[in-house]
Amino acid sequence: MIPKIDPSAFECVLYDVADHVATITLNRPERRNALNRLAYDEVEAAFRTVSRDPEVRCVIVTGADPAFCSGEDVKEMMTGEAHEGSIQRLTQVRPEPTPAAVAALECDRPVIAAVNGAAVGWGMELSLFADIRIASEKAKFGEIFIKRGLITDVGGLWRLPAIVGQAQAAELLFTGEIIDAEVARGIGLVSRVVPHDALMAEAGALAARIACNAPLALRYMKEGLRRTSYGELRDIGSWVSSTLGTLFQTEDHREGVQSFLEKRAPEFKGR
C-alpha cells in the first residue's frame, strides 16, 4: 500500500465529497485519461481515502471528457524504465495484484462507474471493479489486452464472467473487440444507457438513493455480494501478476506495443 496522499495534492485525479458521496474523476483528458504510474498511485490513494472516511457512503468513479479511461499510457508504461520496473515487480515468487485494483475492489462502499466514453484495457477493468455501471451513449468497452500479447487484469478474469456470463466474457477476452453502450447493455455489462449530458445527474441520483440508507448495512451488503458473487481476490490476482510478468517479456508483447505506436496491425509469432 502506498503512503497516504492528500487528495488536494493529486495531479491526475480529482477527488470530491458531497452529501456522503465521493466522486473520483480521472483527469488526464489530453491523454484520454490513460494511466501512467502517478495516475495509478492516485487511483489507489483515492479508494484508500474513501475506505478511511466514515462520512462516505457511496462512490462515483468517472473520467474527464472525452473518455472514461483509455487504459495504460502505452508510451510511459510499456516502454523504458517503467516497463522494466513492472517486470521486476511481477516476476517475484508470489507477486501482489495491481495495487490500484486491490484498493478499488477492497473498497467497502458501493461504487458506481459513470462511463462517459472509452473504457478500454485497464479502463474497462476499472469499470468492472464498480458494483454498478451506468453508460453514456458515447461509452465504449474493450478488453484489448490480447491485442498487446497480454492477459487482462483481475477484472476481466474474476469479475467479467460473473457479470455477463462465461461465454460472453470469453468472446470479449479472446477477441479484444470493442463494443458500444447498447451492446454493453444487451449483455448486462451496464445497467442503463443515458444521454451523455445526463450521465452525471443519473449517477448522482442513484448514489443519493444508495447513500440515504444505513451506512453499516450498506458496507455489509456489499461484502455479502462480493463473497457470494466473486469469491477471494488475492490468489487470482497473484496468478495474473505472475503471468503478466512472463508475457511482458515475449516478442509478441513487444510487437503488440510497437504496432500500436506505429498505428498498424500486429504480426504475432507465438514467442
Protein backbone atom coordinates (compact mmCIF):
# COMPACT_ATOMS: atom_id res chain seq x y z
CA MET A 1 0.00 0.00 0.00
CA ILE A 2 1.30 3.46 -0.88
CA PRO A 3 1.57 6.14 1.84
CA LYS A 4 -1.42 8.39 2.49
CA ILE A 5 -1.67 11.17 -0.09
CA ASP A 6 -3.74 14.27 0.50
CA PRO A 7 -6.35 14.28 -2.32
CA SER A 8 -5.82 18.04 -2.70
CA ALA A 9 -2.30 17.20 -3.93
CA PHE A 10 -3.47 14.84 -6.69
CA GLU A 11 -2.30 15.73 -10.20
CA CYS A 12 -4.09 13.12 -12.31
CA VAL A 13 -7.28 12.53 -10.31
CA LEU A 14 -9.97 14.85 -8.94
CA TYR A 15 -11.47 13.84 -5.59
CA ASP A 16 -14.59 15.43 -4.15
CA VAL A 17 -17.03 14.52 -1.38
CA ALA A 18 -20.53 15.98 -1.08
CA ASP A 19 -23.64 14.67 0.65
CA HIS A 20 -21.90 11.41 1.64
CA VAL A 21 -20.89 10.68 -1.99
CA ALA A 22 -17.24 10.66 -3.09
CA THR A 23 -16.57 11.35 -6.76
CA ILE A 24 -13.28 10.13 -8.23
CA THR A 25 -12.57 11.62 -11.66
CA LEU A 26 -9.63 10.58 -13.81
CA ASN A 27 -8.28 13.89 -15.06
CA ARG A 28 -5.81 13.45 -17.92
CA PRO A 29 -8.19 14.40 -20.75
CA GLU A 30 -5.32 15.28 -23.09
CA ARG A 31 -4.31 11.58 -22.87
CA ARG A 32 -7.89 10.32 -22.82
CA ASN A 33 -7.33 9.59 -19.13
CA ALA A 34 -4.69 6.96 -19.88
CA LEU A 35 -2.97 5.78 -16.71
CA ASN A 36 0.67 6.48 -16.00
CA ARG A 37 2.45 5.50 -12.78
CA LEU A 38 1.28 8.60 -10.93
CA ALA A 39 -2.33 8.12 -12.04
CA TYR A 40 -2.29 4.51 -10.82
CA ASP A 41 -0.95 5.66 -7.45
CA GLU A 42 -3.60 8.36 -7.16
CA VAL A 43 -6.44 5.99 -8.06
CA GLU A 44 -5.19 3.68 -5.33
CA ALA A 45 -4.91 6.56 -2.87
CA ALA A 46 -8.39 7.83 -3.73
CA PHE A 47 -10.03 4.48 -2.96
CA ARG A 48 -7.97 4.11 0.23
CA THR A 49 -9.15 7.60 1.23
CA VAL A 50 -12.76 6.51 0.74
CA SER A 51 -12.23 3.46 2.94
CA ARG A 52 -10.86 5.62 5.76
CA ASP A 53 -13.66 8.22 5.65
CA PRO A 54 -16.75 7.30 7.71
CA GLU A 55 -18.70 10.12 6.05
CA VAL A 56 -18.55 8.49 2.60
CA ARG A 57 -21.39 6.09 1.90
CA CYS A 58 -21.18 5.73 -1.89
CA VAL A 59 -18.60 6.38 -4.63
CA ILE A 60 -18.87 7.53 -8.24
CA VAL A 61 -15.86 6.94 -10.49
CA THR A 62 -15.74 8.64 -13.89
CA GLY A 63 -13.40 10.37 -16.34
CA ALA A 64 -12.97 13.89 -17.63
CA ASP A 65 -14.44 14.06 -21.14
CA PRO A 66 -13.88 12.80 -23.78
CA ALA A 67 -13.03 9.40 -22.23
CA PHE A 68 -13.61 7.32 -19.13
CA CYS A 69 -10.16 5.72 -19.30
CA SER A 70 -8.29 4.59 -22.41
CA GLY A 71 -6.16 2.10 -20.47
CA GLU A 72 -2.47 2.40 -19.74
CA ASP A 73 -0.40 5.19 -21.20
CA VAL A 74 1.46 2.90 -23.59
CA LYS A 75 4.39 5.25 -24.19
CA GLU A 76 5.03 5.66 -20.45
CA MET A 77 4.05 2.28 -19.03
CA MET A 78 5.04 -0.26 -21.70
CA THR A 79 8.41 1.11 -22.70
CA GLY A 80 11.56 2.19 -20.86
CA GLU A 81 12.20 2.22 -17.13
CA ALA A 82 8.55 1.99 -16.07
CA HIS A 83 8.16 -1.21 -18.08
CA GLU A 84 11.32 -2.73 -16.61
CA GLY A 85 10.11 -1.85 -13.12
CA SER A 86 6.79 -3.59 -13.77
CA ILE A 87 8.55 -6.75 -14.97
CA GLN A 88 10.75 -6.77 -11.87
CA ARG A 89 7.70 -6.47 -9.59
CA LEU A 90 5.65 -9.07 -11.45
CA THR A 91 8.35 -11.76 -11.57
CA GLN A 92 8.61 -12.13 -7.80
CA VAL A 93 7.87 -15.59 -6.38
CA ARG A 94 4.36 -14.52 -5.39
CA PRO A 95 3.69 -11.07 -6.84
CA GLU A 96 0.96 -8.87 -5.43
CA PRO A 97 -2.05 -7.98 -7.59
CA THR A 98 -2.17 -4.48 -9.11
CA PRO A 99 -2.34 -2.18 -6.05
CA ALA A 100 -4.94 0.16 -7.58
CA ALA A 101 -7.14 -2.83 -8.43
CA VAL A 102 -6.89 -4.15 -4.88
CA ALA A 103 -7.78 -0.74 -3.44
CA ALA A 104 -10.83 -0.44 -5.70
CA LEU A 105 -12.02 -4.00 -5.07
CA GLU A 106 -11.45 -3.80 -1.32
CA CYS A 107 -13.36 -0.53 -1.04
CA ASP A 108 -16.26 -1.36 1.26
CA ARG A 109 -18.63 1.33 -0.05
CA PRO A 110 -20.91 0.84 -3.08
CA VAL A 111 -19.16 2.05 -6.24
CA ILE A 112 -20.90 3.36 -9.37
CA ALA A 113 -18.93 3.71 -12.60
CA ALA A 114 -20.30 6.58 -14.71
CA VAL A 115 -18.78 5.60 -18.06
CA ASN A 116 -18.72 8.70 -20.23
CA GLY A 117 -16.61 7.48 -23.14
CA ALA A 118 -13.99 4.87 -23.99
CA ALA A 119 -13.36 2.34 -21.21
CA VAL A 120 -10.77 0.04 -22.74
CA GLY A 121 -7.89 -2.00 -21.39
CA TRP A 122 -7.41 -1.10 -17.75
CA GLY A 123 -10.18 1.45 -18.20
CA MET A 124 -12.63 -1.40 -18.69
CA GLU A 125 -11.06 -3.12 -15.69
CA LEU A 126 -11.76 -0.02 -13.59
CA SER A 127 -15.40 -0.07 -14.68
CA LEU A 128 -15.62 -3.76 -13.73
CA PHE A 129 -14.36 -3.02 -10.23
CA ALA A 130 -17.53 -0.98 -9.68
CA ASP A 131 -20.71 -2.55 -8.37
CA ILE A 132 -22.92 -0.74 -10.88
CA ARG A 133 -22.11 0.67 -14.33
CA ILE A 134 -24.12 3.45 -15.97
CA ALA A 135 -23.09 4.32 -19.52
CA SER A 136 -23.36 7.44 -21.61
CA GLU A 137 -24.48 6.87 -25.17
CA LYS A 138 -20.86 7.65 -26.11
CA ALA A 139 -19.39 4.85 -23.97
CA LYS A 140 -17.35 2.03 -25.47
CA PHE A 141 -15.86 -1.02 -23.76
CA GLY A 142 -13.00 -3.30 -24.74
CA GLU A 143 -10.74 -5.88 -23.09
CA ILE A 144 -7.95 -5.15 -25.57
CA PHE A 145 -5.12 -6.88 -23.67
CA ILE A 146 -4.94 -9.75 -26.16
CA LYS A 147 -4.03 -7.19 -28.84
CA ARG A 148 -0.90 -6.37 -26.81
CA GLY A 149 0.07 -10.01 -26.27
CA LEU A 150 -1.12 -9.90 -22.64
CA ILE A 151 -3.90 -11.17 -20.39
CA THR A 152 -6.44 -9.00 -18.64
CA ASP A 153 -6.14 -7.92 -15.02
CA VAL A 154 -8.41 -9.40 -12.33
CA GLY A 155 -11.47 -7.51 -13.58
CA GLY A 156 -11.73 -9.47 -16.81
CA LEU A 157 -10.96 -12.89 -15.34
CA TRP A 158 -12.57 -12.55 -11.91
CA ARG A 159 -15.44 -10.09 -12.37
CA LEU A 160 -16.48 -10.11 -16.02
CA PRO A 161 -17.71 -13.75 -16.22
CA ALA A 162 -19.89 -13.22 -13.14
CA ILE A 163 -21.39 -10.08 -14.70
CA VAL A 164 -22.05 -11.14 -18.31
CA GLY A 165 -21.63 -14.94 -18.24
CA GLN A 166 -18.73 -17.17 -19.22
CA ALA A 167 -19.38 -17.26 -22.97
CA GLN A 168 -19.83 -13.51 -23.39
CA ALA A 169 -16.75 -12.88 -21.25
CA ALA A 170 -14.72 -15.35 -23.31
CA GLU A 171 -15.74 -13.65 -26.55
CA LEU A 172 -14.72 -10.22 -25.27
CA LEU A 173 -11.44 -11.50 -23.81
CA PHE A 174 -10.40 -13.72 -26.72
CA THR A 175 -11.21 -11.20 -29.49
CA GLY A 176 -10.26 -7.94 -27.79
CA GLU A 177 -13.10 -6.32 -29.71
CA ILE A 178 -14.64 -3.02 -28.63
CA ILE A 179 -18.40 -2.81 -28.08
CA ASP A 180 -20.67 0.20 -27.82
CA ALA A 181 -23.00 1.16 -25.00
CA GLU A 182 -26.11 -0.52 -26.42
CA VAL A 183 -24.33 -3.84 -26.90
CA ALA A 184 -22.96 -3.49 -23.37
CA ARG A 185 -26.49 -3.03 -22.05
CA GLY A 186 -27.72 -6.00 -24.05
CA ILE A 187 -25.23 -8.37 -22.42
CA GLY A 188 -25.75 -6.96 -18.94
CA LEU A 189 -22.41 -5.18 -18.66
CA VAL A 190 -24.16 -1.89 -17.88
CA SER A 191 -27.48 -1.40 -16.12
CA ARG A 192 -28.61 1.56 -18.21
CA VAL A 193 -27.58 3.84 -21.08
CA VAL A 194 -28.44 7.54 -20.78
CA PRO A 195 -27.85 10.67 -22.85
CA HIS A 196 -24.29 11.89 -22.45
CA ASP A 197 -25.25 15.19 -20.83
CA ALA A 198 -27.45 13.39 -18.28
CA LEU A 199 -24.86 10.84 -17.16
CA MET A 200 -23.55 12.51 -14.02
CA ALA A 201 -27.03 13.57 -12.92
CA GLU A 202 -28.23 9.97 -13.27
CA ALA A 203 -25.21 8.62 -11.41
CA GLY A 204 -25.61 11.26 -8.71
CA ALA A 205 -29.30 10.49 -8.24
CA LEU A 206 -28.59 6.79 -7.88
CA ALA A 207 -25.73 7.48 -5.46
CA ALA A 208 -28.06 9.67 -3.37
CA ARG A 209 -30.66 6.88 -3.20
CA ILE A 210 -27.95 4.50 -2.00
CA ALA A 211 -26.32 6.95 0.42
CA CYS A 212 -29.55 7.63 2.30
CA ASN A 213 -29.53 4.07 3.65
CA ALA A 214 -27.89 2.71 6.80
CA PRO A 215 -24.10 3.07 6.31
CA LEU A 216 -23.00 -0.08 8.15
CA ALA A 217 -25.67 -2.19 6.50
CA LEU A 218 -24.53 -0.91 3.09
CA ARG A 219 -20.97 -1.97 3.79
CA TYR A 220 -22.00 -5.43 4.95
CA MET A 221 -24.38 -5.78 1.99
CA LYS A 222 -21.50 -5.09 -0.38
CA GLU A 223 -19.30 -7.61 1.42
CA GLY A 224 -22.06 -10.21 1.16
CA LEU A 225 -22.36 -9.65 -2.59
CA ARG A 226 -18.60 -9.92 -3.01
CA ARG A 227 -18.44 -13.21 -1.11
CA THR A 228 -21.35 -14.82 -2.93
CA SER A 229 -20.63 -13.48 -6.43
CA TYR A 230 -16.85 -13.33 -6.77
CA GLY A 231 -15.02 -15.20 -4.02
CA GLU A 232 -11.50 -14.27 -2.99
CA LEU A 233 -9.21 -11.86 -4.83
CA ARG A 234 -5.62 -12.49 -3.79
CA ASP A 235 -4.94 -15.90 -5.39
CA ILE A 236 -6.23 -15.00 -8.86
CA GLY A 237 -4.55 -11.59 -8.57
CA SER A 238 -1.19 -13.16 -7.80
CA TRP A 239 -1.55 -15.58 -10.74
CA VAL A 240 -2.47 -12.72 -13.08
CA SER A 241 0.57 -10.71 -11.96
CA SER A 242 2.92 -13.69 -12.35
CA THR A 243 1.56 -14.48 -15.82
CA LEU A 244 1.90 -10.86 -16.91
CA GLY A 245 5.49 -10.94 -15.70
CA THR A 246 6.11 -13.73 -18.22
CA LEU A 247 4.11 -12.21 -21.08
CA PHE A 248 5.70 -8.78 -20.74
CA GLN A 249 8.98 -10.39 -21.81
CA THR A 250 7.67 -12.03 -25.00
CA GLU A 251 8.28 -10.93 -28.58
CA ASP A 252 4.53 -10.87 -29.14
CA HIS A 253 4.05 -8.28 -26.41
CA ARG A 254 6.80 -6.09 -27.83
CA GLU A 255 5.16 -6.41 -31.25
CA GLY A 256 1.76 -5.53 -29.78
CA VAL A 257 3.16 -2.33 -28.28
CA GLN A 258 5.21 -1.39 -31.34
CA SER A 259 2.30 -1.96 -33.72
CA PHE A 260 0.10 0.25 -31.53
CA LEU A 261 2.66 3.05 -31.51
CA GLU A 262 3.11 2.71 -35.29
CA LYS A 263 -0.68 2.50 -35.84
CA ARG A 264 -0.58 -0.78 -37.78
CA ALA A 265 -1.91 -4.30 -37.37
CA PRO A 266 0.32 -6.54 -35.21
CA GLU A 267 2.12 -9.58 -36.63
CA PHE A 268 2.28 -12.11 -33.80
CA LYS A 269 4.76 -15.04 -33.90
CA GLY A 270 3.79 -17.03 -30.82
CA ARG A 271 7.03 -16.40 -28.96
